[in-house]
Amino acid sequence: MANIKSAKKRILVTKTKEERNKAIRSSVKTAVKKVYTAIDANDAEAAKSALLNATSIIDKATRKGVYHKNYAARKVSRLSLAVNKMSR
C-alpha cells in the first residue's frame, strides 16, 4: 500500500474509474448481444431497434472515454452490416 497521500488518492480514483468503465463495457456487450440474438431469431424489427439502442450505448461509452472512437466506429459498422444483411 502507498504511503504518500496523493498516491493513496490515485488508488481510490483508479478503482472508482475502473468500476465505472467495467459497468459501461458490460452494458455495451449486453446491447451487442441483443442485436445478434434478434438477428439469429430472424426478427428484423427487433434487430433494427436493438441496433439503434446499441449504437447509442456505444457512442455514450466512446464519449466517456471507455472506447477509442475507431473501435466504436468499427463495432457499429459491423453491427449495421449484420442487420442489413439479415433484412435483405
PDB file of N, CA and C in Angstrom:
ATOM      1  N   MET A   1       0.846  -1.192   0.000  1.00  0.00           N
ATOM      2  CA  MET A   1       0.000   0.000   0.000  1.00  0.00           C
ATOM      3  C   MET A   1       0.882   1.242   0.000  1.00  0.00           C
ATOM      4  N   ALA A   2       0.408   2.261  -0.668  1.00  0.00           N
ATOM      5  CA  ALA A   2       1.162   3.507  -0.778  1.00  0.00           C
ATOM      6  C   ALA A   2       1.206   4.250   0.552  1.00  0.00           C
ATOM      7  N   ASN A   3       2.277   5.007   0.749  1.00  0.00           N
ATOM      8  CA  ASN A   3       2.420   5.809   1.961  1.00  0.00           C
ATOM      9  C   ASN A   3       2.087   7.270   1.724  1.00  0.00           C
ATOM     10  N   ILE A   4       2.259   7.721   0.504  1.00  0.00           N
ATOM     11  CA  ILE A   4       2.059   9.127   0.179  1.00  0.00           C
ATOM     12  C   ILE A   4       0.568   9.396  -0.056  1.00  0.00           C
ATOM     13  N   LYS A   5       0.094  10.534   0.451  1.00  0.00           N
ATOM     14  CA  LYS A   5      -1.327  10.864   0.400  1.00  0.00           C
ATOM     15  C   LYS A   5      -1.853  10.910  -1.041  1.00  0.00           C
ATOM     16  N   SER A   6      -1.116  11.528  -1.928  1.00  0.00           N
ATOM     17  CA  SER A   6      -1.569  11.636  -3.322  1.00  0.00           C
ATOM     18  C   SER A   6      -1.633  10.258  -3.990  1.00  0.00           C
ATOM     19  N   ALA A   7      -0.705   9.375  -3.631  1.00  0.00           N
ATOM     20  CA  ALA A   7      -0.703   8.016  -4.198  1.00  0.00           C
ATOM     21  C   ALA A   7      -1.914   7.236  -3.691  1.00  0.00           C
ATOM     22  N   LYS A   8      -2.266   7.442  -2.438  1.00  0.00           N
ATOM     23  CA  LYS A   8      -3.456   6.780  -1.874  1.00  0.00           C
ATOM     24  C   LYS A   8      -4.710   7.249  -2.609  1.00  0.00           C
ATOM     25  N   LYS A   9      -4.772   8.553  -2.870  1.00  0.00           N
ATOM     26  CA  LYS A   9      -5.925   9.101  -3.581  1.00  0.00           C
ATOM     27  C   LYS A   9      -5.994   8.536  -4.998  1.00  0.00           C
ATOM     28  N   ARG A  10      -4.859   8.436  -5.674  1.00  0.00           N
ATOM     29  CA  ARG A  10      -4.837   7.892  -7.034  1.00  0.00           C
ATOM     30  C   ARG A  10      -5.366   6.462  -7.048  1.00  0.00           C
ATOM     31  N   ILE A  11      -5.023   5.686  -6.031  1.00  0.00           N
ATOM     32  CA  ILE A  11      -5.506   4.301  -5.939  1.00  0.00           C
ATOM     33  C   ILE A  11      -7.028   4.286  -5.860  1.00  0.00           C
ATOM     34  N   LEU A  12      -7.590   5.168  -5.022  1.00  0.00           N
ATOM     35  CA  LEU A  12      -9.043   5.237  -4.879  1.00  0.00           C
ATOM     36  C   LEU A  12      -9.723   5.696  -6.164  1.00  0.00           C
ATOM     37  N   VAL A  13      -9.152   6.725  -6.801  1.00  0.00           N
ATOM     38  CA  VAL A  13      -9.734   7.263  -8.032  1.00  0.00           C
ATOM     39  C   VAL A  13      -9.677   6.216  -9.140  1.00  0.00           C
ATOM     40  N   THR A  14      -8.554   5.510  -9.232  1.00  0.00           N
ATOM     41  CA  THR A  14      -8.397   4.474 -10.254  1.00  0.00           C
ATOM     42  C   THR A  14      -9.414   3.366 -10.059  1.00  0.00           C
ATOM     43  N   LYS A  15      -9.631   2.977  -8.824  1.00  0.00           N
ATOM     44  CA  LYS A  15     -10.603   1.919  -8.527  1.00  0.00           C
ATOM     45  C   LYS A  15     -12.013   2.361  -8.933  1.00  0.00           C
ATOM     46  N   THR A  16     -12.364   3.603  -8.636  1.00  0.00           N
ATOM     47  CA  THR A  16     -13.678   4.132  -8.992  1.00  0.00           C
ATOM     48  C   THR A  16     -13.875   4.142 -10.507  1.00  0.00           C
ATOM     49  N   LYS A  17     -12.864   4.629 -11.230  1.00  0.00           N
ATOM     50  CA  LYS A  17     -12.957   4.689 -12.694  1.00  0.00           C
ATOM     51  C   LYS A  17     -13.013   3.295 -13.298  1.00  0.00           C
ATOM     52  N   GLU A  18     -12.251   2.385 -12.713  1.00  0.00           N
ATOM     53  CA  GLU A  18     -12.227   1.003 -13.198  1.00  0.00           C
ATOM     54  C   GLU A  18     -13.614   0.364 -13.084  1.00  0.00           C
ATOM     55  N   GLU A  19     -14.274   0.591 -11.965  1.00  0.00           N
ATOM     56  CA  GLU A  19     -15.621   0.046 -11.760  1.00  0.00           C
ATOM     57  C   GLU A  19     -16.620   0.667 -12.734  1.00  0.00           C
ATOM     58  N   ARG A  20     -16.507   1.971 -12.958  1.00  0.00           N
ATOM     59  CA  ARG A  20     -17.402   2.655 -13.895  1.00  0.00           C
ATOM     60  C   ARG A  20     -17.204   2.122 -15.309  1.00  0.00           C
ATOM     61  N   ASN A  21     -15.936   2.004 -15.716  1.00  0.00           N
ATOM     62  CA  ASN A  21     -15.634   1.509 -17.062  1.00  0.00           C
ATOM     63  C   ASN A  21     -16.116   0.078 -17.250  1.00  0.00           C
ATOM     64  N   LYS A  22     -15.979  -0.733 -16.213  1.00  0.00           N
ATOM     65  CA  LYS A  22     -16.412  -2.125 -16.285  1.00  0.00           C
ATOM     66  C   LYS A  22     -17.923  -2.200 -16.489  1.00  0.00           C
ATOM     67  N   ALA A  23     -18.663  -1.352 -15.790  1.00  0.00           N
ATOM     68  CA  ALA A  23     -20.123  -1.329 -15.920  1.00  0.00           C
ATOM     69  C   ALA A  23     -20.527  -0.880 -17.325  1.00  0.00           C
ATOM     70  N   ILE A  24     -19.841   0.115 -17.854  1.00  0.00           N
ATOM     71  CA  ILE A  24     -20.152   0.619 -19.189  1.00  0.00           C
ATOM     72  C   ILE A  24     -19.849  -0.445 -20.236  1.00  0.00           C
ATOM     73  N   ARG A  25     -18.692  -1.110 -20.120  1.00  0.00           N
ATOM     74  CA  ARG A  25     -18.334  -2.169 -21.072  1.00  0.00           C
ATOM     75  C   ARG A  25     -19.349  -3.298 -21.038  1.00  0.00           C
ATOM     76  N   SER A  26     -19.806  -3.615 -19.846  1.00  0.00           N
ATOM     77  CA  SER A  26     -20.795  -4.679 -19.687  1.00  0.00           C
ATOM     78  C   SER A  26     -22.102  -4.318 -20.383  1.00  0.00           C
ATOM     79  N   SER A  27     -22.534  -3.071 -20.248  1.00  0.00           N
ATOM     80  CA  SER A  27     -23.785  -2.657 -20.893  1.00  0.00           C
ATOM     81  C   SER A  27     -23.649  -2.671 -22.419  1.00  0.00           C
ATOM     82  N   VAL A  28     -22.456  -2.349 -22.926  1.00  0.00           N
ATOM     83  CA  VAL A  28     -22.216  -2.407 -24.370  1.00  0.00           C
ATOM     84  C   VAL A  28     -22.308  -3.850 -24.853  1.00  0.00           C
ATOM     85  N   LYS A  29     -21.671  -4.758 -24.120  1.00  0.00           N
ATOM     86  CA  LYS A  29     -21.700  -6.175 -24.500  1.00  0.00           C
ATOM     87  C   LYS A  29     -23.128  -6.709 -24.507  1.00  0.00           C
ATOM     88  N   THR A  30     -23.915  -6.313 -23.523  1.00  0.00           N
ATOM     89  CA  THR A  30     -25.301  -6.759 -23.437  1.00  0.00           C
ATOM     90  C   THR A  30     -26.097  -6.241 -24.637  1.00  0.00           C
ATOM     91  N   ALA A  31     -25.900  -4.975 -24.985  1.00  0.00           N
ATOM     92  CA  ALA A  31     -26.625  -4.380 -26.117  1.00  0.00           C
ATOM     93  C   ALA A  31     -26.245  -5.068 -27.421  1.00  0.00           C
ATOM     94  N   VAL A  32     -24.966  -5.356 -27.595  1.00  0.00           N
ATOM     95  CA  VAL A  32     -24.496  -6.026 -28.811  1.00  0.00           C
ATOM     96  C   VAL A  32     -25.068  -7.439 -28.889  1.00  0.00           C
ATOM     97  N   LYS A  33     -25.103  -8.104 -27.752  1.00  0.00           N
ATOM     98  CA  LYS A  33     -25.641  -9.471 -27.711  1.00  0.00           C
ATOM     99  C   LYS A  33     -27.118  -9.478 -28.099  1.00  0.00           C
ATOM    100  N   LYS A  34     -27.868  -8.434 -27.687  1.00  0.00           N
ATOM    101  CA  LYS A  34     -29.291  -8.346 -28.034  1.00  0.00           C
ATOM    102  C   LYS A  34     -29.477  -8.202 -29.544  1.00  0.00           C
ATOM    103  N   VAL A  35     -28.578  -7.467 -30.185  1.00  0.00           N
ATOM    104  CA  VAL A  35     -28.659  -7.307 -31.638  1.00  0.00           C
ATOM    105  C   VAL A  35     -28.459  -8.659 -32.315  1.00  0.00           C
ATOM    106  N   TYR A  36     -27.404  -9.371 -31.912  1.00  0.00           N
ATOM    107  CA  TYR A  36     -27.114 -10.663 -32.535  1.00  0.00           C
ATOM    108  C   TYR A  36     -28.190 -11.705 -32.221  1.00  0.00           C
ATOM    109  N   THR A  37     -28.801 -11.619 -31.054  1.00  0.00           N
ATOM    110  CA  THR A  37     -29.892 -12.527 -30.709  1.00  0.00           C
ATOM    111  C   THR A  37     -31.088 -12.288 -31.628  1.00  0.00           C
ATOM    112  N   ALA A  38     -31.395 -11.014 -31.877  1.00  0.00           N
ATOM    113  CA  ALA A  38     -32.512 -10.678 -32.781  1.00  0.00           C
ATOM    114  C   ALA A  38     -32.206 -11.132 -34.205  1.00  0.00           C
ATOM    115  N   ILE A  39     -30.944 -11.021 -34.617  1.00  0.00           N
ATOM    116  CA  ILE A  39     -30.556 -11.472 -35.953  1.00  0.00           C
ATOM    117  C   ILE A  39     -30.718 -12.979 -36.064  1.00  0.00           C
ATOM    118  N   ASP A  40     -30.267 -13.703 -35.041  1.00  0.00           N
ATOM    119  CA  ASP A  40     -30.392 -15.166 -35.041  1.00  0.00           C
ATOM    120  C   ASP A  40     -31.853 -15.602 -35.059  1.00  0.00           C
ATOM    121  N   ALA A  41     -32.708 -14.823 -34.408  1.00  0.00           N
ATOM    122  CA  ALA A  41     -34.136 -15.137 -34.378  1.00  0.00           C
ATOM    123  C   ALA A  41     -34.841 -14.706 -35.669  1.00  0.00           C
ATOM    124  N   ASN A  42     -34.090 -14.051 -36.563  1.00  0.00           N
ATOM    125  CA  ASN A  42     -34.625 -13.585 -37.846  1.00  0.00           C
ATOM    126  C   ASN A  42     -35.752 -12.563 -37.669  1.00  0.00           C
ATOM    127  N   ASP A  43     -35.627 -11.722 -36.647  1.00  0.00           N
ATOM    128  CA  ASP A  43     -36.626 -10.696 -36.346  1.00  0.00           C
ATOM    129  C   ASP A  43     -36.055  -9.326 -36.747  1.00  0.00           C
ATOM    130  N   ALA A  44     -36.441  -8.856 -37.932  1.00  0.00           N
ATOM    131  CA  ALA A  44     -35.857  -7.635 -38.486  1.00  0.00           C
ATOM    132  C   ALA A  44     -36.170  -6.398 -37.649  1.00  0.00           C
ATOM    133  N   GLU A  45     -37.413  -6.283 -37.198  1.00  0.00           N
ATOM    134  CA  GLU A  45     -37.807  -5.097 -36.416  1.00  0.00           C
ATOM    135  C   GLU A  45     -37.053  -5.030 -35.088  1.00  0.00           C
ATOM    136  N   ALA A  46     -36.979  -6.159 -34.414  1.00  0.00           N
ATOM    137  CA  ALA A  46     -36.259  -6.208 -33.131  1.00  0.00           C
ATOM    138  C   ALA A  46     -34.780  -5.911 -33.344  1.00  0.00           C
ATOM    139  N   ALA A  47     -34.221  -6.422 -34.427  1.00  0.00           N
ATOM    140  CA  ALA A  47     -32.802  -6.203 -34.722  1.00  0.00           C
ATOM    141  C   ALA A  47     -32.529  -4.724 -34.970  1.00  0.00           C
ATOM    142  N   LYS A  48     -33.427  -4.069 -35.709  1.00  0.00           N
ATOM    143  CA  LYS A  48     -33.227  -2.644 -36.007  1.00  0.00           C
ATOM    144  C   LYS A  48     -33.327  -1.789 -34.745  1.00  0.00           C
ATOM    145  N   SER A  49     -34.307  -2.101 -33.892  1.00  0.00           N
ATOM    146  CA  SER A  49     -34.435  -1.316 -32.653  1.00  0.00           C
ATOM    147  C   SER A  49     -33.268  -1.605 -31.706  1.00  0.00           C
ATOM    148  N   ALA A  50     -32.815  -2.865 -31.664  1.00  0.00           N
ATOM    149  CA  ALA A  50     -31.669  -3.216 -30.827  1.00  0.00           C
ATOM    150  C   ALA A  50     -30.399  -2.555 -31.350  1.00  0.00           C
ATOM    151  N   LEU A  51     -30.287  -2.449 -32.670  1.00  0.00           N
ATOM    152  CA  LEU A  51     -29.136  -1.779 -33.279  1.00  0.00           C
ATOM    153  C   LEU A  51     -29.113  -0.301 -32.901  1.00  0.00           C
ATOM    154  N   LEU A  52     -30.263   0.332 -32.946  1.00  0.00           N
ATOM    155  CA  LEU A  52     -30.362   1.742 -32.577  1.00  0.00           C
ATOM    156  C   LEU A  52     -29.933   1.952 -31.121  1.00  0.00           C
ATOM    157  N   ASN A  53     -30.414   1.086 -30.250  1.00  0.00           N
ATOM    158  CA  ASN A  53     -30.062   1.154 -28.837  1.00  0.00           C
ATOM    159  C   ASN A  53     -28.566   0.896 -28.624  1.00  0.00           C
ATOM    160  N   ALA A  54     -28.032  -0.124 -29.287  1.00  0.00           N
ATOM    161  CA  ALA A  54     -26.620  -0.481 -29.136  1.00  0.00           C
ATOM    162  C   ALA A  54     -25.724   0.654 -29.632  1.00  0.00           C
ATOM    163  N   THR A  55     -26.100   1.260 -30.749  1.00  0.00           N
ATOM    164  CA  THR A  55     -25.320   2.369 -31.301  1.00  0.00           C
ATOM    165  C   THR A  55     -25.263   3.524 -30.310  1.00  0.00           C
ATOM    166  N   SER A  56     -26.393   3.813 -29.699  1.00  0.00           N
ATOM    167  CA  SER A  56     -26.461   4.886 -28.709  1.00  0.00           C
ATOM    168  C   SER A  56     -25.549   4.586 -27.514  1.00  0.00           C
ATOM    169  N   ILE A  57     -25.613   3.367 -27.021  1.00  0.00           N
ATOM    170  CA  ILE A  57     -24.806   2.985 -25.856  1.00  0.00           C
ATOM    171  C   ILE A  57     -23.314   3.014 -26.192  1.00  0.00           C
ATOM    172  N   ILE A  58     -22.959   2.537 -27.384  1.00  0.00           N
ATOM    173  CA  ILE A  58     -21.550   2.543 -27.799  1.00  0.00           C
ATOM    174  C   ILE A  58     -21.041   3.975 -27.934  1.00  0.00           C
ATOM    175  N   ASP A  59     -21.868   4.866 -28.498  1.00  0.00           N
ATOM    176  CA  ASP A  59     -21.462   6.262 -28.641  1.00  0.00           C
ATOM    177  C   ASP A  59     -21.268   6.940 -27.287  1.00  0.00           C
ATOM    178  N   LYS A  60     -22.150   6.626 -26.344  1.00  0.00           N
ATOM    179  CA  LYS A  60     -22.006   7.201 -24.997  1.00  0.00           C
ATOM    180  C   LYS A  60     -20.725   6.713 -24.340  1.00  0.00           C
ATOM    181  N   ALA A  61     -20.419   5.434 -24.515  1.00  0.00           N
ATOM    182  CA  ALA A  61     -19.191   4.872 -23.941  1.00  0.00           C
ATOM    183  C   ALA A  61     -17.963   5.532 -24.553  1.00  0.00           C
ATOM    184  N   THR A  62     -18.039   5.836 -25.835  1.00  0.00           N
ATOM    185  CA  THR A  62     -16.920   6.491 -26.518  1.00  0.00           C
ATOM    186  C   THR A  62     -16.746   7.916 -26.010  1.00  0.00           C
ATOM    187  N   ARG A  63     -17.866   8.622 -25.815  1.00  0.00           N
ATOM    188  CA  ARG A  63     -17.795   9.985 -25.295  1.00  0.00           C
ATOM    189  C   ARG A  63     -17.202  10.018 -23.895  1.00  0.00           C
ATOM    190  N   LYS A  64     -17.446   8.978 -23.116  1.00  0.00           N
ATOM    191  CA  LYS A  64     -16.917   8.929 -21.752  1.00  0.00           C
ATOM    192  C   LYS A  64     -15.473   8.449 -21.706  1.00  0.00           C
ATOM    193  N   GLY A  65     -14.937   8.069 -22.868  1.00  0.00           N
ATOM    194  CA  GLY A  65     -13.531   7.680 -22.924  1.00  0.00           C
ATOM    195  C   GLY A  65     -13.274   6.219 -22.639  1.00  0.00           C
ATOM    196  N   VAL A  66     -14.307   5.399 -22.625  1.00  0.00           N
ATOM    197  CA  VAL A  66     -14.128   3.977 -22.351  1.00  0.00           C
ATOM    198  C   VAL A  66     -13.570   3.273 -23.582  1.00  0.00           C
ATOM    199  N   TYR A  67     -14.058   3.663 -24.764  1.00  0.00           N
ATOM    200  CA  TYR A  67     -13.611   3.075 -26.020  1.00  0.00           C
ATOM    201  C   TYR A  67     -12.982   4.136 -26.907  1.00  0.00           C
ATOM    202  N   HIS A  68     -12.057   3.715 -27.752  1.00  0.00           N
ATOM    203  CA  HIS A  68     -11.475   4.599 -28.758  1.00  0.00           C
ATOM    204  C   HIS A  68     -12.514   4.793 -29.866  1.00  0.00           C
ATOM    205  N   LYS A  69     -12.487   5.958 -30.487  1.00  0.00           N
ATOM    206  CA  LYS A  69     -13.519   6.264 -31.485  1.00  0.00           C
ATOM    207  C   LYS A  69     -13.480   5.305 -32.674  1.00  0.00           C
ATOM    208  N   ASN A  70     -12.300   4.872 -33.080  1.00  0.00           N
ATOM    209  CA  ASN A  70     -12.208   3.941 -34.211  1.00  0.00           C
ATOM    210  C   ASN A  70     -12.764   2.569 -33.846  1.00  0.00           C
ATOM    211  N   TYR A  71     -12.522   2.146 -32.624  1.00  0.00           N
ATOM    212  CA  TYR A  71     -13.058   0.866 -32.153  1.00  0.00           C
ATOM    213  C   TYR A  71     -14.584   0.914 -32.163  1.00  0.00           C
ATOM    214  N   ALA A  72     -15.123   2.011 -31.677  1.00  0.00           N
ATOM    215  CA  ALA A  72     -16.579   2.177 -31.625  1.00  0.00           C
ATOM    216  C   ALA A  72     -17.170   2.216 -33.033  1.00  0.00           C
ATOM    217  N   ALA A  73     -16.510   2.932 -33.928  1.00  0.00           N
ATOM    218  CA  ALA A  73     -16.999   3.034 -35.304  1.00  0.00           C
ATOM    219  C   ALA A  73     -16.989   1.663 -35.977  1.00  0.00           C
ATOM    220  N   ARG A  74     -15.939   0.892 -35.735  1.00  0.00           N
ATOM    221  CA  ARG A  74     -15.842  -0.449 -36.314  1.00  0.00           C
ATOM    222  C   ARG A  74     -16.937  -1.357 -35.778  1.00  0.00           C
ATOM    223  N   LYS A  75     -17.200  -1.256 -34.489  1.00  0.00           N
ATOM    224  CA  LYS A  75     -18.221  -2.085 -33.849  1.00  0.00           C
ATOM    225  C   LYS A  75     -19.611  -1.751 -34.411  1.00  0.00           C
ATOM    226  N   VAL A  76     -19.908  -0.463 -34.514  1.00  0.00           N
ATOM    227  CA  VAL A  76     -21.205  -0.020 -35.043  1.00  0.00           C
ATOM    228  C   VAL A  76     -21.343  -0.435 -36.507  1.00  0.00           C
ATOM    229  N   SER A  77     -20.263  -0.300 -37.259  1.00  0.00           N
ATOM    230  CA  SER A  77     -20.284  -0.660 -38.675  1.00  0.00           C
ATOM    231  C   SER A  77     -20.574  -2.148 -38.853  1.00  0.00           C
ATOM    232  N   ARG A  78     -19.935  -2.992 -38.069  1.00  0.00           N
ATOM    233  CA  ARG A  78     -20.142  -4.433 -38.179  1.00  0.00           C
ATOM    234  C   ARG A  78     -21.563  -4.823 -37.777  1.00  0.00           C
ATOM    235  N   LEU A  79     -22.079  -4.167 -36.742  1.00  0.00           N
ATOM    236  CA  LEU A  79     -23.461  -4.439 -36.333  1.00  0.00           C
ATOM    237  C   LEU A  79     -24.439  -4.034 -37.433  1.00  0.00           C
ATOM    238  N   SER A  80     -24.229  -2.857 -38.000  1.00  0.00           N
ATOM    239  CA  SER A  80     -25.106  -2.360 -39.062  1.00  0.00           C
ATOM    240  C   SER A  80     -25.076  -3.298 -40.264  1.00  0.00           C
ATOM    241  N   LEU A  81     -23.881  -3.736 -40.612  1.00  0.00           N
ATOM    242  CA  LEU A  81     -23.710  -4.651 -41.737  1.00  0.00           C
ATOM    243  C   LEU A  81     -24.481  -5.950 -41.498  1.00  0.00           C
ATOM    244  N   ALA A  82     -24.382  -6.479 -40.280  1.00  0.00           N
ATOM    245  CA  ALA A  82     -25.070  -7.726 -39.947  1.00  0.00           C
ATOM    246  C   ALA A  82     -26.594  -7.557 -40.023  1.00  0.00           C
ATOM    247  N   VAL A  83     -27.096  -6.430 -39.525  1.00  0.00           N
ATOM    248  CA  VAL A  83     -28.543  -6.183 -39.562  1.00  0.00           C
ATOM    249  C   VAL A  83     -29.011  -5.984 -41.012  1.00  0.00           C
ATOM    250  N   ASN A  84     -28.232  -5.242 -41.801  1.00  0.00           N
ATOM    251  CA  ASN A  84     -28.611  -5.006 -43.195  1.00  0.00           C
ATOM    252  C   ASN A  84     -28.592  -6.294 -44.014  1.00  0.00           C
ATOM    253  N   LYS A  85     -27.615  -7.163 -43.752  1.00  0.00           N
ATOM    254  CA  LYS A  85     -27.553  -8.445 -44.463  1.00  0.00           C
ATOM    255  C   LYS A  85     -28.774  -9.286 -44.150  1.00  0.00           C
ATOM    256  N   MET A  86     -29.195  -9.255 -42.891  1.00  0.00           N
ATOM    257  CA  MET A  86     -30.322 -10.067 -42.463  1.00  0.00           C
ATOM    258  C   MET A  86     -31.620  -9.589 -43.103  1.00  0.00           C
ATOM    259  N   SER A  87     -31.803  -8.301 -43.221  1.00  0.00           N
ATOM    260  CA  SER A  87     -33.077  -7.755 -43.690  1.00  0.00           C
ATOM    261  C   SER A  87     -33.257  -7.833 -45.204  1.00  0.00           C
ATOM    262  N   ARG A  88     -32.243  -8.296 -45.920  1.00  0.00           N
ATOM    263  CA  ARG A  88     -32.380  -8.431 -47.376  1.00  0.00           C
ATOM    264  C   ARG A  88     -33.176  -9.640 -47.743  1.00  0.00           C
TER     265      ARG A  88
END
